[in-house]
Structure formats: structure tokens, C-alpha cells
Amino acid sequence: MTKIETEIQYNWAVERVEELLPLVDETTPETDRNYIELNLLSNLVADYSEIHFAIGEPKLQDVLQLRMYELGLTQKRMSELLEVSQSRISEYLTGKSEPTLKTGRIISKRLNIDPAIVLGV
């Protein structure tokens, strides 16, 4: 098998990986049959998952909402932290507006958000 082509094959491979996991650990030699099988099947499962179950790139508005929740911030407090108006925060959260480069840098640094997400790259 060079790749998983159906969901039935995928489900079988996932089950087999789960069976092999307890049999292989960091001390298992790379020449061990279980190690080899686990390595091959894990790669096949990962490839199939990447194609059929991809999540996609996060959007800035979703990451901002998550950070607000994680940090317990209100829109008012977020606007103070990022030095922009509350209405601008609302626009970012609804996707109606994107931050300027200057504000994007502030968002990235103060909220620890990957610059690629902030810039939409």
C-alpha cells in the first residue's frame, strides 16, 4: 500500500496504529517489525488526515476572540491594550476591517499571535 485511498482503509490503519503503540517505545530498535509497521502506518494515516481532515489556517478574528477569552479581556480592555478604539476592535472581531501594520505589530507582540496570522499570510 503506497497510500490510503478510502475511509475504510484509513479506519483500519488507525486501529492498527492504536494496537501497535503499546508495543513500541523509545527503546524499540528501528529494525523491529512493530516499529517499522507503526512508522509506515503512522505516515500513511498522517498523509490521509492532512488531505481529508485539514482544519485550515486560523483567521485573525477567531484568534483575537480566543485571546480575549483566554486573557479575560473585554472589548474595552482590548482596545486599551492595543491602543485602538472599541469600534475598531469590533471591526477586527467581525472581519470588517484589518489592522494597520503598526497595529498588527502591537497585536502580535502584546497578544502573542503569530505575525503570519495577523498579516493574513
Foldseek 3Di string as FASTA:
>chain_A
DQADDDVVSLVVLVVLLVVLVVVDDPPDDCVDPSNVSNVVSVVRNVVVCCVPVPPDDDAQLVVVVVLCVVVVHDLCRVCVQLVHDSVVNVCSNVVVDADDPSSLVSCCVRSVDPSCNNVVD
